[in-house]
Amino acid sequence: MSIVAPGYKADIALLELTSDSFTPLNDLPRQLVYAETGNSVRHTIVNGAVVVRNGVVTTLDEQAIKAELRRLAPTVRGYIAKIRSEAEALIPYYREMYLKAMRTDVGMMRRLSDADEELGFG
């Protein structure tokens, strides 16, 4: 079995275990999977190269990427609005499919949820 040692290449992430995601620290694997958002990452080494140091990505310009995203946001918003409009045109068809399925006897009791009723499916 290999160990992390000088001269070895490694992929490793070091996390701050006093962050909100791990407070209180009860079940490390569970909290890592279900609570950690990335905010706890302090250092990351990939193939022997440091790619995150003190919580800051060292391999790309985060500010430039954020600026690009802000520049593209109006185009993306327009695209999302177009998709939403097209999807809303399909709602009556989905509603009919849903109601038909709910009327089909499957051999057990079913109850429409409040969310179904709010969406006009109930």
PDB file of N, CA and C in Angstrom:
ATOM      1  N   MET A   1       0.844  -1.182   0.000  1.00  0.00           N
ATOM      2  CA  MET A   1       0.000   0.000   0.000  1.00  0.00           C
ATOM      3  C   MET A   1       0.887   1.242   0.000  1.00  0.00           C
ATOM      4  N   SER A   2       0.561   2.212  -0.868  1.00  0.00           N
ATOM      5  CA  SER A   2       1.326   3.459  -0.939  1.00  0.00           C
ATOM      6  C   SER A   2       0.905   4.405   0.172  1.00  0.00           C
ATOM      7  N   ILE A   3       1.792   5.284   0.497  1.00  0.00           N
ATOM      8  CA  ILE A   3       1.473   6.344   1.449  1.00  0.00           C
ATOM      9  C   ILE A   3       1.846   7.676   0.826  1.00  0.00           C
ATOM     10  N   VAL A   4       1.313   8.752   1.370  1.00  0.00           N
ATOM     11  CA  VAL A   4       1.691  10.082   0.909  1.00  0.00           C
ATOM     12  C   VAL A   4       3.067  10.376   1.499  1.00  0.00           C
ATOM     13  N   ALA A   5       4.003  10.648   0.622  1.00  0.00           N
ATOM     14  CA  ALA A   5       5.370  10.901   1.064  1.00  0.00           C
ATOM     15  C   ALA A   5       6.077  11.742   0.017  1.00  0.00           C
ATOM     16  N   PRO A   6       7.155  12.406   0.380  1.00  0.00           N
ATOM     17  CA  PRO A   6       7.902  13.183  -0.610  1.00  0.00           C
ATOM     18  C   PRO A   6       8.262  12.313  -1.804  1.00  0.00           C
ATOM     19  N   GLY A   7       8.073  12.859  -3.005  1.00  0.00           N
ATOM     20  CA  GLY A   7       8.383  12.143  -4.218  1.00  0.00           C
ATOM     21  C   GLY A   7       7.206  11.391  -4.803  1.00  0.00           C
ATOM     22  N   TYR A   8       6.158  11.169  -4.020  1.00  0.00           N
ATOM     23  CA  TYR A   8       4.960  10.501  -4.502  1.00  0.00           C
ATOM     24  C   TYR A   8       3.996  11.545  -5.053  1.00  0.00           C
ATOM     25  N   LYS A   9       3.261  11.186  -6.113  1.00  0.00           N
ATOM     26  CA  LYS A   9       2.185  12.051  -6.586  1.00  0.00           C
ATOM     27  C   LYS A   9       0.935  11.672  -5.822  1.00  0.00           C
ATOM     28  N   ALA A  10       0.070  12.681  -5.560  1.00  0.00           N
ATOM     29  CA  ALA A  10      -1.098  12.389  -4.739  1.00  0.00           C
ATOM     30  C   ALA A  10      -2.304  13.194  -5.190  1.00  0.00           C
ATOM     31  N   ASP A  11      -3.483  12.622  -4.974  1.00  0.00           N
ATOM     32  CA  ASP A  11      -4.746  13.334  -5.072  1.00  0.00           C
ATOM     33  C   ASP A  11      -5.311  13.325  -3.662  1.00  0.00           C
ATOM     34  N   ILE A  12      -5.392  14.485  -3.052  1.00  0.00           N
ATOM     35  CA  ILE A  12      -5.855  14.554  -1.670  1.00  0.00           C
ATOM     36  C   ILE A  12      -6.522  15.904  -1.435  1.00  0.00           C
ATOM     37  N   ALA A  13      -7.559  15.880  -0.637  1.00  0.00           N
ATOM     38  CA  ALA A  13      -8.229  17.122  -0.243  1.00  0.00           C
ATOM     39  C   ALA A  13      -8.174  17.220   1.275  1.00  0.00           C
ATOM     40  N   LEU A  14      -7.783  18.369   1.768  1.00  0.00           N
ATOM     41  CA  LEU A  14      -7.745  18.620   3.202  1.00  0.00           C
ATOM     42  C   LEU A  14      -8.888  19.562   3.546  1.00  0.00           C
ATOM     43  N   LEU A  15      -9.735  19.134   4.478  1.00  0.00           N
ATOM     44  CA  LEU A  15     -10.929  19.898   4.830  1.00  0.00           C
ATOM     45  C   LEU A  15     -10.841  20.441   6.245  1.00  0.00           C
ATOM     46  N   GLU A  16     -11.504  21.559   6.466  1.00  0.00           N
ATOM     47  CA  GLU A  16     -11.593  22.181   7.780  1.00  0.00           C
ATOM     48  C   GLU A  16     -12.754  21.531   8.527  1.00  0.00           C
ATOM     49  N   LEU A  17     -12.456  20.713   9.518  1.00  0.00           N
ATOM     50  CA  LEU A  17     -13.492  19.964  10.225  1.00  0.00           C
ATOM     51  C   LEU A  17     -14.219  20.771  11.293  1.00  0.00           C
ATOM     52  N   THR A  18     -13.853  22.062  11.442  1.00  0.00           N
ATOM     53  CA  THR A  18     -14.595  22.920  12.363  1.00  0.00           C
ATOM     54  C   THR A  18     -15.602  23.796  11.612  1.00  0.00           C
ATOM     55  N   SER A  19     -15.754  23.541  10.296  1.00  0.00           N
ATOM     56  CA  SER A  19     -16.711  24.320   9.503  1.00  0.00           C
ATOM     57  C   SER A  19     -18.140  23.927   9.875  1.00  0.00           C
ATOM     58  N   ASP A  20     -19.108  24.706   9.392  1.00  0.00           N
ATOM     59  CA  ASP A  20     -20.522  24.439   9.690  1.00  0.00           C
ATOM     60  C   ASP A  20     -20.945  23.034   9.276  1.00  0.00           C
ATOM     61  N   SER A  21     -20.437  22.545   8.149  1.00  0.00           N
ATOM     62  CA  SER A  21     -20.824  21.228   7.652  1.00  0.00           C
ATOM     63  C   SER A  21     -20.474  20.101   8.616  1.00  0.00           C
ATOM     64  N   PHE A  22     -19.476  20.309   9.438  1.00  0.00           N
ATOM     65  CA  PHE A  22     -19.017  19.265  10.346  1.00  0.00           C
ATOM     66  C   PHE A  22     -19.251  19.617  11.806  1.00  0.00           C
ATOM     67  N   THR A  23     -20.126  20.582  12.059  1.00  0.00           N
ATOM     68  CA  THR A  23     -20.398  21.000  13.433  1.00  0.00           C
ATOM     69  C   THR A  23     -21.831  20.682  13.796  1.00  0.00           C
ATOM     70  N   PRO A  24     -22.057  19.871  14.827  1.00  0.00           N
ATOM     71  CA  PRO A  24     -21.043  19.103  15.561  1.00  0.00           C
ATOM     72  C   PRO A  24     -20.596  17.912  14.726  1.00  0.00           C
ATOM     73  N   LEU A  25     -19.388  17.470  14.966  1.00  0.00           N
ATOM     74  CA  LEU A  25     -18.831  16.338  14.220  1.00  0.00           C
ATOM     75  C   LEU A  25     -19.349  15.053  14.849  1.00  0.00           C
ATOM     76  N   ASN A  26     -20.355  14.448  14.187  1.00  0.00           N
ATOM     77  CA  ASN A  26     -20.982  13.228  14.703  1.00  0.00           C
ATOM     78  C   ASN A  26     -20.655  12.010  13.863  1.00  0.00           C
ATOM     79  N   ASP A  27     -20.713  12.165  12.547  1.00  0.00           N
ATOM     80  CA  ASP A  27     -20.561  11.035  11.639  1.00  0.00           C
ATOM     81  C   ASP A  27     -19.868  11.555  10.391  1.00  0.00           C
ATOM     82  N   LEU A  28     -18.551  11.523  10.386  1.00  0.00           N
ATOM     83  CA  LEU A  28     -17.755  12.137   9.326  1.00  0.00           C
ATOM     84  C   LEU A  28     -18.173  11.700   7.916  1.00  0.00           C
ATOM     85  N   PRO A  29     -18.280  10.408   7.622  1.00  0.00           N
ATOM     86  CA  PRO A  29     -18.670  10.034   6.253  1.00  0.00           C
ATOM     87  C   PRO A  29     -20.047  10.591   5.864  1.00  0.00           C
ATOM     88  N   ARG A  30     -21.019  10.503   6.768  1.00  0.00           N
ATOM     89  CA  ARG A  30     -22.362  11.001   6.477  1.00  0.00           C
ATOM     90  C   ARG A  30     -22.348  12.505   6.258  1.00  0.00           C
ATOM     91  N   GLN A  31     -21.654  13.231   7.099  1.00  0.00           N
ATOM     92  CA  GLN A  31     -21.600  14.681   6.965  1.00  0.00           C
ATOM     93  C   GLN A  31     -20.842  15.085   5.698  1.00  0.00           C
ATOM     94  N   LEU A  32     -19.822  14.336   5.345  1.00  0.00           N
ATOM     95  CA  LEU A  32     -19.075  14.623   4.124  1.00  0.00           C
ATOM     96  C   LEU A  32     -19.974  14.472   2.901  1.00  0.00           C
ATOM     97  N   VAL A  33     -20.796  13.423   2.881  1.00  0.00           N
ATOM     98  CA  VAL A  33     -21.674  13.165   1.739  1.00  0.00           C
ATOM     99  C   VAL A  33     -22.873  14.110   1.714  1.00  0.00           C
ATOM    100  N   TYR A  34     -23.518  14.328   2.866  1.00  0.00           N
ATOM    101  CA  TYR A  34     -24.797  15.039   2.878  1.00  0.00           C
ATOM    102  C   TYR A  34     -24.730  16.511   3.282  1.00  0.00           C
ATOM    103  N   ALA A  35     -23.628  16.967   3.881  1.00  0.00           N
ATOM    104  CA  ALA A  35     -23.608  18.342   4.378  1.00  0.00           C
ATOM    105  C   ALA A  35     -22.507  19.202   3.769  1.00  0.00           C
ATOM    106  N   GLU A  36     -21.409  18.607   3.359  1.00  0.00           N
ATOM    107  CA  GLU A  36     -20.276  19.396   2.868  1.00  0.00           C
ATOM    108  C   GLU A  36     -20.592  19.999   1.504  1.00  0.00           C
ATOM    109  N   THR A  37     -20.414  21.297   1.387  1.00  0.00           N
ATOM    110  CA  THR A  37     -20.752  22.023   0.156  1.00  0.00           C
ATOM    111  C   THR A  37     -19.528  22.412  -0.663  1.00  0.00           C
ATOM    112  N   GLY A  38     -18.357  22.160  -0.132  1.00  0.00           N
ATOM    113  CA  GLY A  38     -17.124  22.605  -0.777  1.00  0.00           C
ATOM    114  C   GLY A  38     -16.491  23.744  -0.003  1.00  0.00           C
ATOM    115  N   ASN A  39     -17.268  24.356   0.881  1.00  0.00           N
ATOM    116  CA  ASN A  39     -16.743  25.480   1.662  1.00  0.00           C
ATOM    117  C   ASN A  39     -15.688  25.061   2.681  1.00  0.00           C
ATOM    118  N   SER A  40     -15.647  23.787   3.012  1.00  0.00           N
ATOM    119  CA  SER A  40     -14.682  23.303   4.002  1.00  0.00           C
ATOM    120  C   SER A  40     -13.324  22.982   3.396  1.00  0.00           C
ATOM    121  N   VAL A  41     -13.230  22.941   2.070  1.00  0.00           N
ATOM    122  CA  VAL A  41     -11.976  22.562   1.413  1.00  0.00           C
ATOM    123  C   VAL A  41     -10.937  23.661   1.622  1.00  0.00           C
ATOM    124  N   ARG A  42      -9.816  23.299   2.232  1.00  0.00           N
ATOM    125  CA  ARG A  42      -8.743  24.263   2.477  1.00  0.00           C
ATOM    126  C   ARG A  42      -7.614  24.077   1.471  1.00  0.00           C
ATOM    127  N   HIS A  43      -7.234  22.830   1.215  1.00  0.00           N
ATOM    128  CA  HIS A  43      -6.131  22.542   0.299  1.00  0.00           C
ATOM    129  C   HIS A  43      -6.482  21.293  -0.505  1.00  0.00           C
ATOM    130  N   THR A  44      -6.110  21.291  -1.783  1.00  0.00           N
ATOM    131  CA  THR A  44      -6.305  20.118  -2.625  1.00  0.00           C
ATOM    132  C   THR A  44      -5.066  19.934  -3.486  1.00  0.00           C
ATOM    133  N   ILE A  45      -4.607  18.699  -3.536  1.00  0.00           N
ATOM    134  CA  ILE A  45      -3.455  18.346  -4.361  1.00  0.00           C
ATOM    135  C   ILE A  45      -3.926  17.294  -5.361  1.00  0.00           C
ATOM    136  N   VAL A  46      -3.679  17.542  -6.640  1.00  0.00           N
ATOM    137  CA  VAL A  46      -4.055  16.604  -7.690  1.00  0.00           C
ATOM    138  C   VAL A  46      -2.802  16.253  -8.491  1.00  0.00           C
ATOM    139  N   ASN A  47      -2.525  14.985  -8.553  1.00  0.00           N
ATOM    140  CA  ASN A  47      -1.346  14.499  -9.278  1.00  0.00           C
ATOM    141  C   ASN A  47      -0.069  15.206  -8.815  1.00  0.00           C
ATOM    142  N   GLY A  48      -0.036  15.491  -7.532  1.00  0.00           N
ATOM    143  CA  GLY A  48       1.143  16.124  -6.953  1.00  0.00           C
ATOM    144  C   GLY A  48       1.184  17.638  -7.042  1.00  0.00           C
ATOM    145  N   ALA A  49       0.199  18.255  -7.724  1.00  0.00           N
ATOM    146  CA  ALA A  49       0.179  19.722  -7.872  1.00  0.00           C
ATOM    147  C   ALA A  49      -0.914  20.325  -6.987  1.00  0.00           C
ATOM    148  N   VAL A  50      -0.583  21.396  -6.297  1.00  0.00           N
ATOM    149  CA  VAL A  50      -1.562  22.086  -5.452  1.00  0.00           C
ATOM    150  C   VAL A  50      -2.536  22.847  -6.348  1.00  0.00           C
ATOM    151  N   VAL A  51      -3.821  22.511  -6.261  1.00  0.00           N
ATOM    152  CA  VAL A  51      -4.828  23.187  -7.076  1.00  0.00           C
ATOM    153  C   VAL A  51      -5.748  24.063  -6.236  1.00  0.00           C
ATOM    154  N   VAL A  52      -5.767  23.840  -4.922  1.00  0.00           N
ATOM    155  CA  VAL A  52      -6.472  24.736  -3.993  1.00  0.00           C
ATOM    156  C   VAL A  52      -5.536  24.975  -2.823  1.00  0.00           C
ATOM    157  N   ARG A  53      -5.302  26.246  -2.528  1.00  0.00           N
ATOM    158  CA  ARG A  53      -4.445  26.616  -1.398  1.00  0.00           C
ATOM    159  C   ARG A  53      -5.204  27.624  -0.549  1.00  0.00           C
ATOM    160  N   ASN A  54      -5.390  27.290   0.723  1.00  0.00           N
ATOM    161  CA  ASN A  54      -6.128  28.159   1.656  1.00  0.00           C
ATOM    162  C   ASN A  54      -7.522  28.501   1.122  1.00  0.00           C
ATOM    163  N   GLY A  55      -8.171  27.509   0.493  1.00  0.00           N
ATOM    164  CA  GLY A  55      -9.535  27.695   0.008  1.00  0.00           C
ATOM    165  C   GLY A  55      -9.653  28.426  -1.314  1.00  0.00           C
ATOM    166  N   VAL A  56      -8.534  28.752  -1.949  1.00  0.00           N
ATOM    167  CA  VAL A  56      -8.545  29.495  -3.214  1.00  0.00           C
ATOM    168  C   VAL A  56      -7.997  28.602  -4.329  1.00  0.00           C
ATOM    169  N   VAL A  57      -8.745  28.505  -5.437  1.00  0.00           N
ATOM    170  CA  VAL A  57      -8.297  27.725  -6.587  1.00  0.00           C
ATOM    171  C   VAL A  57      -7.079  28.409  -7.195  1.00  0.00           C
ATOM    172  N   THR A  58      -6.025  27.633  -7.445  1.00  0.00           N
ATOM    173  CA  THR A  58      -4.780  28.214  -7.956  1.00  0.00           C
ATOM    174  C   THR A  58      -4.614  28.015  -9.459  1.00  0.00           C
ATOM    175  N   THR A  59      -5.486  27.226 -10.094  1.00  0.00           N
ATOM    176  CA  THR A  59      -5.271  26.848 -11.486  1.00  0.00           C
ATOM    177  C   THR A  59      -6.120  27.616 -12.487  1.00  0.00           C
ATOM    178  N   LEU A  60      -6.951  28.521 -12.023  1.00  0.00           N
ATOM    179  CA  LEU A  60      -7.758  29.325 -12.942  1.00  0.00           C
ATOM    180  C   LEU A  60      -8.093  30.658 -12.295  1.00  0.00           C
ATOM    181  N   ASP A  61      -8.559  31.573 -13.093  1.00  0.00           N
ATOM    182  CA  ASP A  61      -8.898  32.921 -12.632  1.00  0.00           C
ATOM    183  C   ASP A  61     -10.395  32.986 -12.337  1.00  0.00           C
ATOM    184  N   GLU A  62     -10.754  32.744 -11.068  1.00  0.00           N
ATOM    185  CA  GLU A  62     -12.165  32.721 -10.683  1.00  0.00           C
ATOM    186  C   GLU A  62     -12.869  34.046 -10.989  1.00  0.00           C
ATOM    187  N   GLN A  63     -12.195  35.154 -10.790  1.00  0.00           N
ATOM    188  CA  GLN A  63     -12.814  36.463 -11.043  1.00  0.00           C
ATOM    189  C   GLN A  63     -13.144  36.637 -12.522  1.00  0.00           C
ATOM    190  N   ALA A  64     -12.261  36.173 -13.394  1.00  0.00           N
ATOM    191  CA  ALA A  64     -12.516  36.270 -14.832  1.00  0.00           C
ATOM    192  C   ALA A  64     -13.693  35.393 -15.233  1.00  0.00           C
ATOM    193  N   ILE A  65     -13.795  34.222 -14.637  1.00  0.00           N
ATOM    194  CA  ILE A  65     -14.918  33.323 -14.937  1.00  0.00           C
ATOM    195  C   ILE A  65     -16.223  33.954 -14.463  1.00  0.00           C
ATOM    196  N   LYS A  66     -16.226  34.534 -13.271  1.00  0.00           N
ATOM    197  CA  LYS A  66     -17.435  35.192 -12.764  1.00  0.00           C
ATOM    198  C   LYS A  66     -17.832  36.365 -13.648  1.00  0.00           C
ATOM    199  N   ALA A  67     -16.857  37.119 -14.119  1.00  0.00           N
ATOM    200  CA  ALA A  67     -17.148  38.246 -15.018  1.00  0.00           C
ATOM    201  C   ALA A  67     -17.782  37.744 -16.314  1.00  0.00           C
ATOM    202  N   GLU A  68     -17.270  36.643 -16.843  1.00  0.00           N
ATOM    203  CA  GLU A  68     -17.823  36.050 -18.066  1.00  0.00           C
ATOM    204  C   GLU A  68     -19.255  35.581 -17.836  1.00  0.00           C
ATOM    205  N   LEU A  69     -19.506  34.967 -16.691  1.00  0.00           N
ATOM    206  CA  LEU A  69     -20.863  34.525 -16.367  1.00  0.00           C
ATOM    207  C   LEU A  69     -21.824  35.709 -16.266  1.00  0.00           C
ATOM    208  N   ARG A  70     -21.368  36.788 -15.646  1.00  0.00           N
ATOM    209  CA  ARG A  70     -22.226  37.991 -15.552  1.00  0.00           C
ATOM    210  C   ARG A  70     -22.520  38.553 -16.944  1.00  0.00           C
ATOM    211  N   ARG A  71     -21.535  38.524 -17.824  1.00  0.00           N
ATOM    212  CA  ARG A  71     -21.713  39.023 -19.186  1.00  0.00           C
ATOM    213  C   ARG A  71     -22.724  38.172 -19.949  1.00  0.00           C
ATOM    214  N   LEU A  72     -22.694  36.859 -19.728  1.00  0.00           N
ATOM    215  CA  LEU A  72     -23.570  35.941 -20.453  1.00  0.00           C
ATOM    216  C   LEU A  72     -24.960  35.800 -19.825  1.00  0.00           C
ATOM    217  N   ALA A  73     -25.138  36.270 -18.608  1.00  0.00           N
ATOM    218  CA  ALA A  73     -26.399  36.069 -17.882  1.00  0.00           C
ATOM    219  C   ALA A  73     -27.630  36.528 -18.650  1.00  0.00           C
ATOM    220  N   PRO A  74     -27.650  37.705 -19.281  1.00  0.00           N
ATOM    221  CA  PRO A  74     -28.858  38.108 -20.007  1.00  0.00           C
ATOM    222  C   PRO A  74     -29.241  37.132 -21.120  1.00  0.00           C
ATOM    223  N   THR A  75     -28.260  36.615 -21.838  1.00  0.00           N
ATOM    224  CA  THR A  75     -28.531  35.641 -22.898  1.00  0.00           C
ATOM    225  C   THR A  75     -29.122  34.367 -22.306  1.00  0.00           C
ATOM    226  N   VAL A  76     -28.549  33.904 -21.207  1.00  0.00           N
ATOM    227  CA  VAL A  76     -29.032  32.687 -20.564  1.00  0.00           C
ATOM    228  C   VAL A  76     -30.445  32.898 -20.033  1.00  0.00           C
ATOM    229  N   ARG A  77     -30.703  34.058 -19.420  1.00  0.00           N
ATOM    230  CA  ARG A  77     -32.055  34.346 -18.912  1.00  0.00           C
ATOM    231  C   ARG A  77     -33.071  34.313 -20.045  1.00  0.00           C
ATOM    232  N   GLY A  78     -32.726  34.890 -21.197  1.00  0.00           N
ATOM    233  CA  GLY A  78     -33.624  34.873 -22.349  1.00  0.00           C
ATOM    234  C   GLY A  78     -33.889  33.455 -22.827  1.00  0.00           C
ATOM    235  N   TYR A  79     -32.854  32.640 -22.855  1.00  0.00           N
ATOM    236  CA  TYR A  79     -32.992  31.251 -23.284  1.00  0.00           C
ATOM    237  C   TYR A  79     -33.898  30.484 -22.314  1.00  0.00           C
ATOM    238  N   ILE A  80     -33.697  30.689 -21.005  1.00  0.00           N
ATOM    239  CA  ILE A  80     -34.523  30.019 -19.992  1.00  0.00           C
ATOM    240  C   ILE A  80     -35.980  30.457 -20.124  1.00  0.00           C
ATOM    241  N   ALA A  81     -36.219  31.747 -20.364  1.00  0.00           N
ATOM    242  CA  ALA A  81     -37.592  32.231 -20.533  1.00  0.00           C
ATOM    243  C   ALA A  81     -38.256  31.566 -21.737  1.00  0.00           C
ATOM    244  N   LYS A  82     -37.516  31.409 -22.827  1.00  0.00           N
ATOM    245  CA  LYS A  82     -38.049  30.758 -24.024  1.00  0.00           C
ATOM    246  C   LYS A  82     -38.403  29.300 -23.727  1.00  0.00           C
ATOM    247  N   ILE A  83     -37.512  28.592 -23.051  1.00  0.00           N
ATOM    248  CA  ILE A  83     -37.759  27.192 -22.701  1.00  0.00           C
ATOM    249  C   ILE A  83     -38.965  27.079 -21.776  1.00  0.00           C
ATOM    250  N   ARG A  84     -39.051  27.967 -20.784  1.00  0.00           N
ATOM    251  CA  ARG A  84     -40.180  27.936 -19.848  1.00  0.00           C
ATOM    252  C   ARG A  84     -41.493  28.137 -20.594  1.00  0.00           C
ATOM    253  N   SER A  85     -41.520  29.068 -21.522  1.00  0.00           N
ATOM    254  CA  SER A  85     -42.727  29.339 -22.296  1.00  0.00           C
ATOM    255  C   SER A  85     -43.128  28.107 -23.112  1.00  0.00           C
ATOM    256  N   GLU A  86     -42.157  27.477 -23.746  1.00  0.00           N
ATOM    257  CA  GLU A  86     -42.445  26.288 -24.544  1.00  0.00           C
ATOM    258  C   GLU A  86     -42.920  25.138 -23.656  1.00  0.00           C
ATOM    259  N   ALA A  87     -42.329  25.002 -22.466  1.00  0.00           N
ATOM    260  CA  ALA A  87     -42.731  23.933 -21.545  1.00  0.00           C
ATOM    261  C   ALA A  87     -44.142  24.174 -21.021  1.00  0.00           C
ATOM    262  N   GLU A  88     -44.491  25.424 -20.743  1.00  0.00           N
ATOM    263  CA  GLU A  88     -45.832  25.730 -20.236  1.00  0.00           C
ATOM    264  C   GLU A  88     -46.908  25.352 -21.257  1.00  0.00           C
ATOM    265  N   ALA A  89     -46.581  25.421 -22.534  1.00  0.00           N
ATOM    266  CA  ALA A  89     -47.548  25.036 -23.560  1.00  0.00           C
ATOM    267  C   ALA A  89     -47.867  23.541 -23.488  1.00  0.00           C
ATOM    268  N   LEU A  90     -46.985  22.758 -22.881  1.00  0.00           N
ATOM    269  CA  LEU A  90     -47.191  21.311 -22.777  1.00  0.00           C
ATOM    270  C   LEU A  90     -47.953  20.901 -21.520  1.00  0.00           C
ATOM    271  N   ILE A  91     -48.151  21.829 -20.581  1.00  0.00           N
ATOM    272  CA  ILE A  91     -48.792  21.489 -19.308  1.00  0.00           C
ATOM    273  C   ILE A  91     -50.150  20.824 -19.490  1.00  0.00           C
ATOM    274  N   PRO A  92     -51.039  21.299 -20.365  1.00  0.00           N
ATOM    275  CA  PRO A  92     -52.341  20.625 -20.491  1.00  0.00           C
ATOM    276  C   PRO A  92     -52.200  19.148 -20.880  1.00  0.00           C
ATOM    277  N   TYR A  93     -51.238  18.829 -21.718  1.00  0.00           N
ATOM    278  CA  TYR A  93     -51.039  17.444 -22.137  1.00  0.00           C
ATOM    279  C   TYR A  93     -50.507  16.586 -20.996  1.00  0.00           C
ATOM    280  N   TYR A  94     -49.561  17.129 -20.233  1.00  0.00           N
ATOM    281  CA  TYR A  94     -49.048  16.403 -19.078  1.00  0.00           C
ATOM    282  C   TYR A  94     -50.126  16.247 -18.024  1.00  0.00           C
ATOM    283  N   ARG A  95     -50.936  17.275 -17.829  1.00  0.00           N
ATOM    284  CA  ARG A  95     -52.031  17.208 -16.854  1.00  0.00           C
ATOM    285  C   ARG A  95     -52.979  16.069 -17.233  1.00  0.00           C
ATOM    286  N   GLU A  96     -53.338  15.977 -18.514  1.00  0.00           N
ATOM    287  CA  GLU A  96     -54.253  14.921 -18.959  1.00  0.00           C
ATOM    288  C   GLU A  96     -53.629  13.541 -18.761  1.00  0.00           C
ATOM    289  N   MET A  97     -52.322  13.396 -19.076  1.00  0.00           N
ATOM    290  CA  MET A  97     -51.648  12.106 -18.864  1.00  0.00           C
ATOM    291  C   MET A  97     -51.656  11.740 -17.380  1.00  0.00           C
ATOM    292  N   TYR A  98     -51.376  12.718 -16.543  1.00  0.00           N
ATOM    293  CA  TYR A  98     -51.327  12.492 -15.099  1.00  0.00           C
ATOM    294  C   TYR A  98     -52.698  12.065 -14.590  1.00  0.00           C
ATOM    295  N   LEU A  99     -53.723  12.797 -14.975  1.00  0.00           N
ATOM    296  CA  LEU A  99     -55.067  12.472 -14.500  1.00  0.00           C
ATOM    297  C   LEU A  99     -55.513  11.101 -15.004  1.00  0.00           C
ATOM    298  N   LYS A 100     -55.182  10.764 -16.231  1.00  0.00           N
ATOM    299  CA  LYS A 100     -55.523   9.450 -16.766  1.00  0.00           C
ATOM    300  C   LYS A 100     -54.821   8.359 -15.960  1.00  0.00           C
ATOM    301  N   ALA A 101     -53.571   8.575 -15.638  1.00  0.00           N
ATOM    302  CA  ALA A 101     -52.830   7.602 -14.833  1.00  0.00           C
ATOM    303  C   ALA A 101     -53.445   7.472 -13.450  1.00  0.00           C
ATOM    304  N   MET A 102     -53.864   8.581 -12.855  1.00  0.00           N
ATOM    305  CA  MET A 102     -54.452   8.535 -11.518  1.00  0.00           C
ATOM    306  C   MET A 102     -55.810   7.835 -11.529  1.00  0.00           C
ATOM    307  N   ARG A 103     -56.516   7.865 -12.644  1.00  0.00           N
ATOM    308  CA  ARG A 103     -57.817   7.186 -12.747  1.00  0.00           C
ATOM    309  C   ARG A 103     -57.664   5.692 -13.005  1.00  0.00           C
ATOM    310  N   THR A 104     -56.466   5.251 -13.337  1.00  0.00           N
ATOM    311  CA  THR A 104     -56.220   3.850 -13.640  1.00  0.00           C
ATOM    312  C   THR A 104     -56.077   3.051 -12.345  1.00  0.00           C
ATOM    313  N   ASP A 105     -56.847   1.993 -12.221  1.00  0.00           N
ATOM    314  CA  ASP A 105     -56.791   1.140 -11.035  1.00  0.00           C
ATOM    315  C   ASP A 105     -55.481   0.360 -11.046  1.00  0.00           C
ATOM    316  N   VAL A 106     -54.702   0.535  -9.991  1.00  0.00           N
ATOM    317  CA  VAL A 106     -53.440  -0.192  -9.863  1.00  0.00           C
ATOM    318  C   VAL A 106     -53.475  -1.148  -8.672  1.00  0.00           C
ATOM    319  N   GLY A 107     -54.664  -1.335  -8.123  1.00  0.00           N
ATOM    320  CA  GLY A 107     -54.825  -2.305  -7.046  1.00  0.00           C
ATOM    321  C   GLY A 107     -54.475  -1.791  -5.666  1.00  0.00           C
ATOM    322  N   MET A 108     -54.366  -0.488  -5.500  1.00  0.00           N
ATOM    323  CA  MET A 108     -54.115   0.078  -4.171  1.00  0.00           C
ATOM    324  C   MET A 108     -54.668   1.497  -4.132  1.00  0.00           C
ATOM    325  N   MET A 109     -54.839   2.023  -2.932  1.00  0.00           N
ATOM    326  CA  MET A 109     -55.357   3.381  -2.773  1.00  0.00           C
ATOM    327  C   MET A 109     -54.235   4.385  -3.052  1.00  0.00           C
ATOM    328  N   ARG A 110     -54.589   5.461  -3.735  1.00  0.00           N
ATOM    329  CA  ARG A 110     -53.644   6.558  -3.963  1.00  0.00           C
ATOM    330  C   ARG A 110     -54.315   7.836  -3.516  1.00  0.00           C
ATOM    331  N   ARG A 111     -53.516   8.795  -3.090  1.00  0.00           N
ATOM    332  CA  ARG A 111     -54.039  10.084  -2.671  1.00  0.00           C
ATOM    333  C   ARG A 111     -53.280  11.167  -3.405  1.00  0.00           C
ATOM    334  N   LEU A 112     -54.014  12.133  -3.962  1.00  0.00           N
ATOM    335  CA  LEU A 112     -53.359  13.271  -4.590  1.00  0.00           C
ATOM    336  C   LEU A 112     -52.797  14.158  -3.494  1.00  0.00           C
ATOM    337  N   SER A 113     -51.582  14.612  -3.662  1.00  0.00           N
ATOM    338  CA  SER A 113     -50.967  15.471  -2.652  1.00  0.00           C
ATOM    339  C   SER A 113     -51.432  16.908  -2.833  1.00  0.00           C
ATOM    340  N   ASP A 114     -51.182  17.713  -1.824  1.00  0.00           N
ATOM    341  CA  ASP A 114     -51.509  19.136  -1.906  1.00  0.00           C
ATOM    342  C   ASP A 114     -50.775  19.792  -3.065  1.00  0.00           C
ATOM    343  N   ALA A 115     -49.541  19.347  -3.329  1.00  0.00           N
ATOM    344  CA  ALA A 115     -48.770  19.917  -4.436  1.00  0.00           C
ATOM    345  C   ALA A 115     -49.463  19.629  -5.761  1.00  0.00           C
ATOM    346  N   ASP A 116     -50.023  18.421  -5.915  1.00  0.00           N
ATOM    347  CA  ASP A 116     -50.753  18.099  -7.144  1.00  0.00           C
ATOM    348  C   ASP A 116     -51.913  19.056  -7.351  1.00  0.00           C
ATOM    349  N   GLU A 117     -52.641  19.319  -6.253  1.00  0.00           N
ATOM    350  CA  GLU A 117     -53.804  20.204  -6.342  1.00  0.00           C
ATOM    351  C   GLU A 117     -53.377  21.642  -6.670  1.00  0.00           C
ATOM    352  N   GLU A 118     -52.267  22.088  -6.092  1.00  0.00           N
ATOM    353  CA  GLU A 118     -51.781  23.432  -6.360  1.00  0.00           C
ATOM    354  C   GLU A 118     -51.394  23.586  -7.832  1.00  0.00           C
ATOM    355  N   LEU A 119     -50.900  22.514  -8.437  1.00  0.00           N
ATOM    356  CA  LEU A 119     -50.498  22.542  -9.837  1.00  0.00           C
ATOM    357  C   LEU A 119     -51.690  22.352 -10.770  1.00  0.00           C
ATOM    358  N   GLY A 120     -52.870  22.149 -10.199  1.00  0.00           N
ATOM    359  CA  GLY A 120     -54.053  21.957 -11.017  1.00  0.00           C
ATOM    360  C   GLY A 120     -54.191  20.527 -11.491  1.00  0.00           C
ATOM    361  N   PHE A 121     -53.456  19.604 -10.871  1.00  0.00           N
ATOM    362  CA  PHE A 121     -53.534  18.204 -11.272  1.00  0.00           C
ATOM    363  C   PHE A 121     -54.559  17.443 -10.450  1.00  0.00           C
ATOM    364  N   GLY A 122     -55.077  18.051  -9.391  1.00  0.00           N
ATOM    365  CA  GLY A 122     -55.984  17.307  -8.497  1.00  0.00           C
ATOM    366  C   GLY A 122     -57.416  17.608  -8.725  1.00  0.00           C
TER     367      GLY A 122
END
